[in-house]
PDB file of N, CA and C in Angstrom:
ATOM      1  N   UNK A   1      86.134  -5.136  17.352  1.00  0.00           N
ATOM      2  CA  UNK A   1      86.697  -6.283  17.267  1.00  0.00           C
ATOM      3  C   UNK A   1      88.326  -5.731  16.527  1.00  0.00           C
ATOM      4  N   UNK A   2      89.360  -6.584  17.285  1.00  0.00           N
ATOM      5  CA  UNK A   2      90.439  -6.298  17.249  1.00  0.00           C
ATOM      6  C   UNK A   2      90.339  -6.210  15.371  1.00  0.00           C
ATOM      7  N   UNK A   3      91.034  -5.344  14.266  1.00  0.00           N
ATOM      8  CA  UNK A   3      91.469  -5.706  12.870  1.00  0.00           C
ATOM      9  C   UNK A   3      92.288  -6.966  12.709  1.00  0.00           C
ATOM     10  N   UNK A   4      91.669  -7.943  12.090  1.00  0.00           N
ATOM     11  CA  UNK A   4      92.682  -8.747  11.711  1.00  0.00           C
ATOM     12  C   UNK A   4      92.442 -10.453  12.688  1.00  0.00           C
ATOM     13  N   UNK A   5      91.612 -10.326  13.585  1.00  0.00           N
ATOM     14  CA  UNK A   5      90.805 -11.634  14.374  1.00  0.00           C
ATOM     15  C   UNK A   5      89.701 -11.843  14.099  1.00  0.00           C
ATOM     16  N   UNK A   6      89.404 -11.299  12.858  1.00  0.00           N
ATOM     17  CA  UNK A   6      88.069 -12.374  12.260  1.00  0.00           C
ATOM     18  C   UNK A   6      88.157 -14.123  11.628  1.00  0.00           C
ATOM     19  N   UNK A   7      89.693 -14.733  11.317  1.00  0.00           N
ATOM     20  CA  UNK A   7      89.625 -15.959  11.238  1.00  0.00           C
ATOM     21  C   UNK A   7      89.889 -16.488  12.672  1.00  0.00           C
ATOM     22  N   UNK A   8      90.944 -15.737  14.316  1.00  0.00           N
ATOM     23  CA  UNK A   8      90.564 -16.204  15.196  1.00  0.00           C
ATOM     24  C   UNK A   8      89.423 -16.710  15.782  1.00  0.00           C
ATOM     25  N   UNK A   9      88.334 -15.682  15.042  1.00  0.00           N
ATOM     26  CA  UNK A   9      87.323 -15.416  16.503  1.00  0.00           C
ATOM     27  C   UNK A   9      86.130 -16.918  16.006  1.00  0.00           C
ATOM     28  N   UNK A  10      86.961 -16.654  14.557  1.00  0.00           N
ATOM     29  CA  UNK A  10      85.316 -17.480  13.743  1.00  0.00           C
ATOM     30  C   UNK A  10      86.215 -19.154  14.186  1.00  0.00           C
ATOM     31  N   UNK A  11      87.539 -19.610  14.361  1.00  0.00           N
ATOM     32  CA  UNK A  11      88.112 -20.781  15.263  1.00  0.00           C
ATOM     33  C   UNK A  11      87.455 -20.936  16.295  1.00  0.00           C
ATOM     34  N   UNK A  12      87.467 -19.974  17.028  1.00  0.00           N
ATOM     35  CA  UNK A  12      87.207 -20.271  18.267  1.00  0.00           C
ATOM     36  C   UNK A  12      85.458 -20.721  18.147  1.00  0.00           C
ATOM     37  N   UNK A  13      84.884 -20.024  17.781  1.00  0.00           N
ATOM     38  CA  UNK A  13      83.584 -19.991  17.355  1.00  0.00           C
ATOM     39  C   UNK A  13      82.960 -21.725  17.176  1.00  0.00           C
ATOM     40  N   UNK A  14      83.897 -21.795  16.268  1.00  0.00           N
ATOM     41  CA  UNK A  14      83.645 -23.517  15.123  1.00  0.00           C
ATOM     42  C   UNK A  14      84.347 -24.267  16.243  1.00  0.00           C
ATOM     43  N   UNK A  15      84.692 -24.142  17.234  1.00  0.00           N
ATOM     44  CA  UNK A  15      85.733 -25.260  18.238  1.00  0.00           C
ATOM     45  C   UNK A  15      84.264 -25.815  19.056  1.00  0.00           C
ATOM     46  N   UNK A  16      83.620 -24.688  19.485  1.00  0.00           N
ATOM     47  CA  UNK A  16      82.651 -24.086  20.759  1.00  0.00           C
ATOM     48  C   UNK A  16      81.715 -24.500  19.778  1.00  0.00           C
ATOM     49  N   UNK A  17      80.906 -24.582  18.594  1.00  0.00           N
ATOM     50  CA  UNK A  17      79.890 -24.952  17.934  1.00  0.00           C
ATOM     51  C   UNK A  17      79.843 -26.614  18.018  1.00  0.00           C
ATOM     52  N   UNK A  18      81.384 -27.207  17.796  1.00  0.00           N
ATOM     53  CA  UNK A  18      81.325 -28.412  17.293  1.00  0.00           C
ATOM     54  C   UNK A  18      80.957 -29.542  19.019  1.00  0.00           C
ATOM     55  N   UNK A  19      80.702 -28.941  20.134  1.00  0.00           N
ATOM     56  CA  UNK A  19      80.569 -29.583  21.406  1.00  0.00           C
ATOM     57  C   UNK A  19      79.346 -29.265  21.442  1.00  0.00           C
ATOM     58  N   UNK A  20      78.458 -30.371  22.200  1.00  0.00           N
ATOM     59  CA  UNK A  20      76.980 -29.728  22.753  1.00  0.00           C
ATOM     60  C   UNK A  20      76.012 -28.625  23.295  1.00  0.00           C
ATOM     61  N   UNK A  21      77.565 -27.657  23.515  1.00  0.00           N
ATOM     62  CA  UNK A  21      77.070 -26.098  23.883  1.00  0.00           C
ATOM     63  C   UNK A  21      75.868 -25.906  23.077  1.00  0.00           C
ATOM     64  N   UNK A  22      76.197 -25.536  21.556  1.00  0.00           N
ATOM     65  CA  UNK A  22      74.996 -25.330  21.429  1.00  0.00           C
ATOM     66  C   UNK A  22      73.613 -25.765  20.939  1.00  0.00           C
ATOM     67  N   UNK A  23      73.201 -27.070  21.523  1.00  0.00           N
ATOM     68  CA  UNK A  23      72.360 -27.561  21.668  1.00  0.00           C
ATOM     69  C   UNK A  23      71.585 -27.528  22.939  1.00  0.00           C
ATOM     70  N   UNK A  24      72.339 -27.368  24.129  1.00  0.00           N
ATOM     71  CA  UNK A  24      72.575 -27.320  25.756  1.00  0.00           C
ATOM     72  C   UNK A  24      71.745 -25.320  25.352  1.00  0.00           C
ATOM     73  N   UNK A  25      72.286 -24.938  24.824  1.00  0.00           N
ATOM     74  CA  UNK A  25      71.547 -24.039  24.455  1.00  0.00           C
ATOM     75  C   UNK A  25      70.626 -23.532  23.966  1.00  0.00           C
ATOM     76  N   UNK A  26      70.519 -24.359  22.880  1.00  0.00           N
ATOM     77  CA  UNK A  26      68.938 -24.360  22.338  1.00  0.00           C
ATOM     78  C   UNK A  26      69.692 -23.464  21.105  1.00  0.00           C
ATOM     79  N   UNK A  27      70.534 -23.030  20.409  1.00  0.00           N
ATOM     80  CA  UNK A  27      70.942 -22.120  19.229  1.00  0.00           C
ATOM     81  C   UNK A  27      71.667 -23.338  18.399  1.00  0.00           C
ATOM     82  N   UNK A  28      70.063 -22.753  16.686  1.00  0.00           N
ATOM     83  CA  UNK A  28      70.060 -23.808  16.245  1.00  0.00           C
ATOM     84  C   UNK A  28      70.616 -22.338  14.731  1.00  0.00           C
ATOM     85  N   UNK A  29      71.131 -21.096  14.779  1.00  0.00           N
ATOM     86  CA  UNK A  29      72.263 -20.958  14.489  1.00  0.00           C
ATOM     87  C   UNK A  29      72.840 -19.846  14.231  1.00  0.00           C
ATOM     88  N   UNK A  30      74.250 -19.940  14.237  1.00  0.00           N
ATOM     89  CA  UNK A  30      75.189 -19.017  14.695  1.00  0.00           C
ATOM     90  C   UNK A  30      75.542 -18.170  13.336  1.00  0.00           C
ATOM     91  N   UNK A  31      75.548 -16.593  13.499  1.00  0.00           N
ATOM     92  CA  UNK A  31      76.508 -15.829  12.155  1.00  0.00           C
ATOM     93  C   UNK A  31      77.525 -14.865  13.208  1.00  0.00           C
ATOM     94  N   UNK A  32      78.585 -14.710  12.385  1.00  0.00           N
ATOM     95  CA  UNK A  32      79.711 -13.685  12.956  1.00  0.00           C
ATOM     96  C   UNK A  32      79.290 -12.682  12.196  1.00  0.00           C
ATOM     97  N   UNK A  33      79.527 -11.266  12.203  1.00  0.00           N
ATOM     98  CA  UNK A  33      79.939 -10.006  11.385  1.00  0.00           C
ATOM     99  C   UNK A  33      80.323  -8.865  11.707  1.00  0.00           C
ATOM    100  N   UNK A  34      81.272  -8.551  10.901  1.00  0.00           N
ATOM    101  CA  UNK A  34      82.078  -7.188  11.413  1.00  0.00           C
ATOM    102  C   UNK A  34      81.798  -6.308  10.371  1.00  0.00           C
ATOM    103  N   UNK A  35      81.821  -4.303  11.234  1.00  0.00           N
ATOM    104  CA  UNK A  35      81.760  -3.345  10.574  1.00  0.00           C
ATOM    105  C   UNK A  35      82.335  -2.426  10.831  1.00  0.00           C
ATOM    106  N   UNK A  36      83.315  -1.953  10.083  1.00  0.00           N
ATOM    107  CA  UNK A  36      84.024  -0.837  11.085  1.00  0.00           C
ATOM    108  C   UNK A  36      84.084  -0.737  12.391  1.00  0.00           C
ATOM    109  N   UNK A  37      85.344  -1.902  12.915  1.00  0.00           N
ATOM    110  CA  UNK A  37      85.436  -2.556  14.061  1.00  0.00           C
ATOM    111  C   UNK A  37      83.584  -2.782  15.000  1.00  0.00           C
ATOM    112  N   UNK A  38      83.127  -3.146  14.545  1.00  0.00           N
ATOM    113  CA  UNK A  38      82.175  -3.379  15.123  1.00  0.00           C
ATOM    114  C   UNK A  38      81.469  -5.046  14.900  1.00  0.00           C
ATOM    115  N   UNK A  39      81.750  -5.893  16.175  1.00  0.00           N
ATOM    116  CA  UNK A  39      81.123  -7.695  15.925  1.00  0.00           C
ATOM    117  C   UNK A  39      80.285  -6.916  16.701  1.00  0.00           C
ATOM    118  N   UNK A  40      78.773  -8.431  15.566  1.00  0.00           N
ATOM    119  CA  UNK A  40      77.858  -8.375  15.752  1.00  0.00           C
ATOM    120  C   UNK A  40      77.754 -10.273  15.637  1.00  0.00           C
ATOM    121  N   UNK A  41      76.905 -10.220  16.703  1.00  0.00           N
ATOM    122  CA  UNK A  41      76.938 -11.838  16.533  1.00  0.00           C
ATOM    123  C   UNK A  41      74.554 -12.546  16.705  1.00  0.00           C
ATOM    124  N   UNK A  42      74.784 -12.763  15.661  1.00  0.00           N
ATOM    125  CA  UNK A  42      73.145 -13.251  16.119  1.00  0.00           C
ATOM    126  C   UNK A  42      73.148 -14.374  15.864  1.00  0.00           C
ATOM    127  N   UNK A  43      72.654 -14.990  16.662  1.00  0.00           N
ATOM    128  CA  UNK A  43      72.209 -16.723  17.474  1.00  0.00           C
ATOM    129  C   UNK A  43      70.686 -16.580  16.729  1.00  0.00           C
ATOM    130  N   UNK A  44      70.196 -17.301  15.852  1.00  0.00           N
ATOM    131  CA  UNK A  44      68.984 -18.464  16.485  1.00  0.00           C
ATOM    132  C   UNK A  44      68.501 -19.038  17.346  1.00  0.00           C
ATOM    133  N   UNK A  45      67.444 -19.120  18.043  1.00  0.00           N
ATOM    134  CA  UNK A  45      66.950 -19.951  18.595  1.00  0.00           C
ATOM    135  C   UNK A  45      65.458 -20.952  18.512  1.00  0.00           C
ATOM    136  N   UNK A  46      65.915 -22.161  19.546  1.00  0.00           N
ATOM    137  CA  UNK A  46      64.739 -23.141  19.437  1.00  0.00           C
ATOM    138  C   UNK A  46      63.741 -21.859  20.369  1.00  0.00           C
ATOM    139  N   UNK A  47      62.599 -21.934  20.049  1.00  0.00           N
ATOM    140  CA  UNK A  47      61.655 -21.093  20.683  1.00  0.00           C
ATOM    141  C   UNK A  47      61.930 -19.704  21.121  1.00  0.00           C
ATOM    142  N   UNK A  48      61.488 -19.149  22.098  1.00  0.00           N
ATOM    143  CA  UNK A  48      61.629 -17.523  22.670  1.00  0.00           C
ATOM    144  C   UNK A  48      61.902 -17.308  23.685  1.00  0.00           C
ATOM    145  N   UNK A  49      62.636 -18.157  24.331  1.00  0.00           N
ATOM    146  CA  UNK A  49      64.002 -17.867  25.375  1.00  0.00           C
ATOM    147  C   UNK A  49      64.989 -18.486  25.072  1.00  0.00           C
ATOM    148  N   UNK A  50      66.209 -18.110  24.130  1.00  0.00           N
ATOM    149  CA  UNK A  50      67.237 -17.795  23.816  1.00  0.00           C
ATOM    150  C   UNK A  50      68.283 -17.393  24.850  1.00  0.00           C
ATOM    151  N   UNK A  51      67.687 -16.127  25.620  1.00  0.00           N
ATOM    152  CA  UNK A  51      68.374 -15.280  26.365  1.00  0.00           C
ATOM    153  C   UNK A  51      68.382 -16.084  28.285  1.00  0.00           C
ATOM    154  N   UNK A  52      67.428 -16.812  28.267  1.00  0.00           N
ATOM    155  CA  UNK A  52      67.285 -17.448  29.625  1.00  0.00           C
ATOM    156  C   UNK A  52      68.267 -19.069  29.273  1.00  0.00           C
ATOM    157  N   UNK A  53      68.115 -18.917  28.403  1.00  0.00           N
ATOM    158  CA  UNK A  53      68.966 -20.796  28.115  1.00  0.00           C
ATOM    159  C   UNK A  53      70.821 -20.207  28.209  1.00  0.00           C
ATOM    160  N   UNK A  54      70.757 -19.169  27.588  1.00  0.00           N
ATOM    161  CA  UNK A  54      72.744 -18.115  27.505  1.00  0.00           C
ATOM    162  C   UNK A  54      72.677 -18.591  28.728  1.00  0.00           C
ATOM    163  N   UNK A  55      71.262 -17.783  30.070  1.00  0.00           N
ATOM    164  CA  UNK A  55      72.061 -17.473  30.965  1.00  0.00           C
ATOM    165  C   UNK A  55      71.884 -18.645  31.863  1.00  0.00           C
ATOM    166  N   UNK A  56      71.688 -20.464  31.542  1.00  0.00           N
ATOM    167  CA  UNK A  56      71.799 -21.229  32.496  1.00  0.00           C
ATOM    168  C   UNK A  56      72.810 -21.439  31.787  1.00  0.00           C
ATOM    169  N   UNK A  57      73.183 -21.450  30.544  1.00  0.00           N
ATOM    170  CA  UNK A  57      74.495 -22.042  30.560  1.00  0.00           C
ATOM    171  C   UNK A  57      76.433 -20.947  30.698  1.00  0.00           C
ATOM    172  N   UNK A  58      75.751 -20.207  31.490  1.00  0.00           N
ATOM    173  CA  UNK A  58      76.896 -19.059  31.423  1.00  0.00           C
ATOM    174  C   UNK A  58      78.186 -19.786  32.985  1.00  0.00           C
ATOM    175  N   UNK A  59      77.709 -20.245  33.362  1.00  0.00           N
ATOM    176  CA  UNK A  59      78.290 -20.832  34.414  1.00  0.00           C
ATOM    177  C   UNK A  59      79.134 -22.457  33.824  1.00  0.00           C
ATOM    178  N   UNK A  60      79.000 -23.290  32.270  1.00  0.00           N
ATOM    179  CA  UNK A  60      79.076 -24.035  32.122  1.00  0.00           C
ATOM    180  C   UNK A  60      80.958 -23.763  32.229  1.00  0.00           C
ATOM    181  N   UNK A  61      81.959 -24.580  31.642  1.00  0.00           N
ATOM    182  CA  UNK A  61      83.487 -24.153  31.946  1.00  0.00           C
ATOM    183  C   UNK A  61      83.554 -24.066  30.196  1.00  0.00           C
ATOM    184  N   UNK A  62      82.572 -24.585  29.189  1.00  0.00           N
ATOM    185  CA  UNK A  62      83.294 -24.583  28.139  1.00  0.00           C
ATOM    186  C   UNK A  62      82.413 -23.033  27.707  1.00  0.00           C
ATOM    187  N   UNK A  63      81.639 -22.526  28.099  1.00  0.00           N
ATOM    188  CA  UNK A  63      81.142 -21.037  28.422  1.00  0.00           C
ATOM    189  C   UNK A  63      82.083 -20.129  28.658  1.00  0.00           C
ATOM    190  N   UNK A  64      82.079 -20.275  29.672  1.00  0.00           N
ATOM    191  CA  UNK A  64      83.446 -19.852  30.717  1.00  0.00           C
ATOM    192  C   UNK A  64      84.909 -19.829  29.468  1.00  0.00           C
ATOM    193  N   UNK A  65      84.934 -21.101  29.039  1.00  0.00           N
ATOM    194  CA  UNK A  65      85.895 -20.773  28.151  1.00  0.00           C
ATOM    195  C   UNK A  65      85.914 -20.018  27.273  1.00  0.00           C
ATOM    196  N   UNK A  66      85.157 -19.880  26.125  1.00  0.00           N
ATOM    197  CA  UNK A  66      85.453 -19.087  24.971  1.00  0.00           C
ATOM    198  C   UNK A  66      85.005 -17.561  25.252  1.00  0.00           C
ATOM    199  N   UNK A  67      84.195 -17.548  26.468  1.00  0.00           N
ATOM    200  CA  UNK A  67      84.340 -16.567  26.972  1.00  0.00           C
ATOM    201  C   UNK A  67      85.508 -15.497  27.307  1.00  0.00           C
ATOM    202  N   UNK A  68      86.726 -16.678  27.790  1.00  0.00           N
ATOM    203  CA  UNK A  68      87.995 -15.947  28.549  1.00  0.00           C
ATOM    204  C   UNK A  68      88.913 -15.883  26.950  1.00  0.00           C
ATOM    205  N   UNK A  69      88.384 -16.779  25.796  1.00  0.00           N
ATOM    206  CA  UNK A  69      89.201 -16.752  24.568  1.00  0.00           C
ATOM    207  C   UNK A  69      89.095 -15.612  23.798  1.00  0.00           C
ATOM    208  N   UNK A  70      87.956 -15.337  23.772  1.00  0.00           N
ATOM    209  CA  UNK A  70      87.545 -14.274  22.781  1.00  0.00           C
ATOM    210  C   UNK A  70      88.198 -12.630  23.407  1.00  0.00           C
ATOM    211  N   UNK A  71      88.362 -12.434  24.788  1.00  0.00           N
ATOM    212  CA  UNK A  71      88.984 -11.358  25.376  1.00  0.00           C
ATOM    213  C   UNK A  71      89.444 -10.872  24.550  1.00  0.00           C
ATOM    214  N   UNK A  72      90.799 -10.866  23.781  1.00  0.00           N
ATOM    215  CA  UNK A  72      91.799 -10.392  23.758  1.00  0.00           C
ATOM    216  C   UNK A  72      91.436 -10.348  21.995  1.00  0.00           C
ATOM    217  N   UNK A  73      90.441 -10.098  21.701  1.00  0.00           N
ATOM    218  CA  UNK A  73      89.618 -10.368  20.110  1.00  0.00           C
ATOM    219  C   UNK A  73      88.357  -9.249  20.509  1.00  0.00           C
ATOM    220  N   UNK A  74      87.988  -9.390  21.240  1.00  0.00           N
ATOM    221  CA  UNK A  74      86.167  -8.792  21.526  1.00  0.00           C
ATOM    222  C   UNK A  74      86.439  -8.379  22.595  1.00  0.00           C
ATOM    223  N   UNK A  75      85.787  -6.606  22.277  1.00  0.00           N
ATOM    224  CA  UNK A  75      86.166  -5.093  23.643  1.00  0.00           C
ATOM    225  C   UNK A  75      84.609  -5.757  23.678  1.00  0.00           C
ATOM    226  N   UNK A  76      84.329  -5.295  24.868  1.00  0.00           N
ATOM    227  CA  UNK A  76      82.314  -4.491  25.345  1.00  0.00           C
ATOM    228  C   UNK A  76      82.322  -3.598  24.468  1.00  0.00           C
ATOM    229  N   UNK A  77      81.346  -3.673  24.001  1.00  0.00           N
ATOM    230  CA  UNK A  77      80.596  -2.035  23.435  1.00  0.00           C
ATOM    231  C   UNK A  77      80.634  -1.127  24.202  1.00  0.00           C
ATOM    232  N   UNK A  78      80.487  -1.301  25.850  1.00  0.00           N
ATOM    233  CA  UNK A  78      80.027  -0.450  26.607  1.00  0.00           C
ATOM    234  C   UNK A  78      81.020  -1.189  28.072  1.00  0.00           C
ATOM    235  N   UNK A  79      81.902  -1.233  28.339  1.00  0.00           N
ATOM    236  CA  UNK A  79      82.691  -1.827  29.385  1.00  0.00           C
ATOM    237  C   UNK A  79      82.541  -1.551  30.402  1.00  0.00           C
ATOM    238  N   UNK A  80      81.810   0.062  31.341  1.00  0.00           N
ATOM    239  CA  UNK A  80      80.847   0.580  32.237  1.00  0.00           C
ATOM    240  C   UNK A  80      79.999  -0.209  32.599  1.00  0.00           C
ATOM    241  N   UNK A  81      79.826  -0.451  32.038  1.00  0.00           N
ATOM    242  CA  UNK A  81      77.829  -1.610  32.048  1.00  0.00           C
ATOM    243  C   UNK A  81      78.035  -3.153  31.504  1.00  0.00           C
ATOM    244  N   UNK A  82      78.970  -3.502  31.612  1.00  0.00           N
ATOM    245  CA  UNK A  82      78.491  -5.185  30.842  1.00  0.00           C
ATOM    246  C   UNK A  82      79.242  -5.678  32.357  1.00  0.00           C
ATOM    247  N   UNK A  83      78.261  -6.723  32.600  1.00  0.00           N
ATOM    248  CA  UNK A  83      78.241  -7.619  33.628  1.00  0.00           C
ATOM    249  C   UNK A  83      77.973  -8.649  33.238  1.00  0.00           C
ATOM    250  N   UNK A  84      77.281  -9.606  32.218  1.00  0.00           N
ATOM    251  CA  UNK A  84      76.879 -10.399  31.590  1.00  0.00           C
ATOM    252  C   UNK A  84      76.055 -10.274  30.045  1.00  0.00           C
ATOM    253  N   UNK A  85      76.441 -11.741  29.479  1.00  0.00           N
ATOM    254  CA  UNK A  85      76.085 -11.440  27.717  1.00  0.00           C
ATOM    255  C   UNK A  85      74.565 -10.964  27.941  1.00  0.00           C
ATOM    256  N   UNK A  86      74.332 -10.986  28.658  1.00  0.00           N
ATOM    257  CA  UNK A  86      72.602 -10.300  29.043  1.00  0.00           C
ATOM    258  C   UNK A  86      72.876  -8.511  28.276  1.00  0.00           C
ATOM    259  N   UNK A  87      73.533  -8.554  29.232  1.00  0.00           N
ATOM    260  CA  UNK A  87      73.510  -6.602  29.104  1.00  0.00           C
ATOM    261  C   UNK A  87      74.552  -6.062  27.469  1.00  0.00           C
ATOM    262  N   UNK A  88      74.732  -7.512  26.450  1.00  0.00           N
ATOM    263  CA  UNK A  88      75.129  -7.060  25.582  1.00  0.00           C
ATOM    264  C   UNK A  88      73.810  -7.836  24.544  1.00  0.00           C
ATOM    265  N   UNK A  89      72.509  -7.516  24.430  1.00  0.00           N
ATOM    266  CA  UNK A  89      71.702  -8.411  23.814  1.00  0.00           C
ATOM    267  C   UNK A  89      70.942  -7.575  23.133  1.00  0.00           C
ATOM    268  N   UNK A  90      70.472  -7.435  22.139  1.00  0.00           N
ATOM    269  CA  UNK A  90      69.792  -6.629  21.133  1.00  0.00           C
ATOM    270  C   UNK A  90      68.371  -7.005  21.219  1.00  0.00           C
ATOM    271  N   UNK A  91      67.539  -5.853  21.791  1.00  0.00           N
ATOM    272  CA  UNK A  91      66.204  -6.544  21.487  1.00  0.00           C
ATOM    273  C   UNK A  91      65.279  -6.280  20.220  1.00  0.00           C
ATOM    274  N   UNK A  92      65.110  -7.497  19.260  1.00  0.00           N
ATOM    275  CA  UNK A  92      64.183  -7.736  18.724  1.00  0.00           C
ATOM    276  C   UNK A  92      63.226  -7.092  18.556  1.00  0.00           C
ATOM    277  N   UNK A  93      62.899  -5.595  17.632  1.00  0.00           N
ATOM    278  CA  UNK A  93      61.212  -4.803  17.676  1.00  0.00           C
ATOM    279  C   UNK A  93      60.346  -5.048  16.290  1.00  0.00           C
ATOM    280  N   UNK A  94      61.604  -5.432  15.590  1.00  0.00           N
ATOM    281  CA  UNK A  94      60.520  -5.683  14.321  1.00  0.00           C
ATOM    282  C   UNK A  94      60.961  -7.614  13.552  1.00  0.00           C
ATOM    283  N   UNK A  95      59.669  -8.780  13.105  1.00  0.00           N
ATOM    284  CA  UNK A  95      60.650  -9.706  12.870  1.00  0.00           C
ATOM    285  C   UNK A  95      58.862  -9.703  11.551  1.00  0.00           C
ATOM    286  N   UNK A  96      59.219 -10.292  10.506  1.00  0.00           N
ATOM    287  CA  UNK A  96      58.944 -10.919   9.423  1.00  0.00           C
ATOM    288  C   UNK A  96      58.952 -12.141   8.676  1.00  0.00           C
ATOM    289  N   UNK A  97      58.559 -12.988   8.399  1.00  0.00           N
ATOM    290  CA  UNK A  97      58.700 -14.359   7.837  1.00  0.00           C
ATOM    291  C   UNK A  97      57.493 -15.004   7.248  1.00  0.00           C
ATOM    292  N   UNK A  98      58.061 -15.093   5.915  1.00  0.00           N
ATOM    293  CA  UNK A  98      57.188 -16.005   5.129  1.00  0.00           C
ATOM    294  C   UNK A  98      55.703 -16.911   5.328  1.00  0.00           C
ATOM    295  N   UNK A  99      56.834 -17.963   6.197  1.00  0.00           N
ATOM    296  CA  UNK A  99      55.681 -18.886   6.640  1.00  0.00           C
ATOM    297  C   UNK A  99      54.965 -18.697   7.757  1.00  0.00           C
TER     298      UNK A  99
END
């Protein structure tokens, strides 16, 4: 993530989250973090099919738009292998909840 861009990235996501896109994707919570130039994007979804719903939504003009708008600020971790959001999704290997 470009240094000093956190405010603009947050503004772009605030506008995006003000639309119906989070509901279409099943997003219940979004958190953005930065650490030493790295960008972390945590989303909680309805159920276990968040990745599938993002793949379905990626053709939506609003999804395409925010992806384009973020390009000046956020670079793919491995540009040689990144083709879609699925290429940047972490795999959860442990979860615990008091519920």
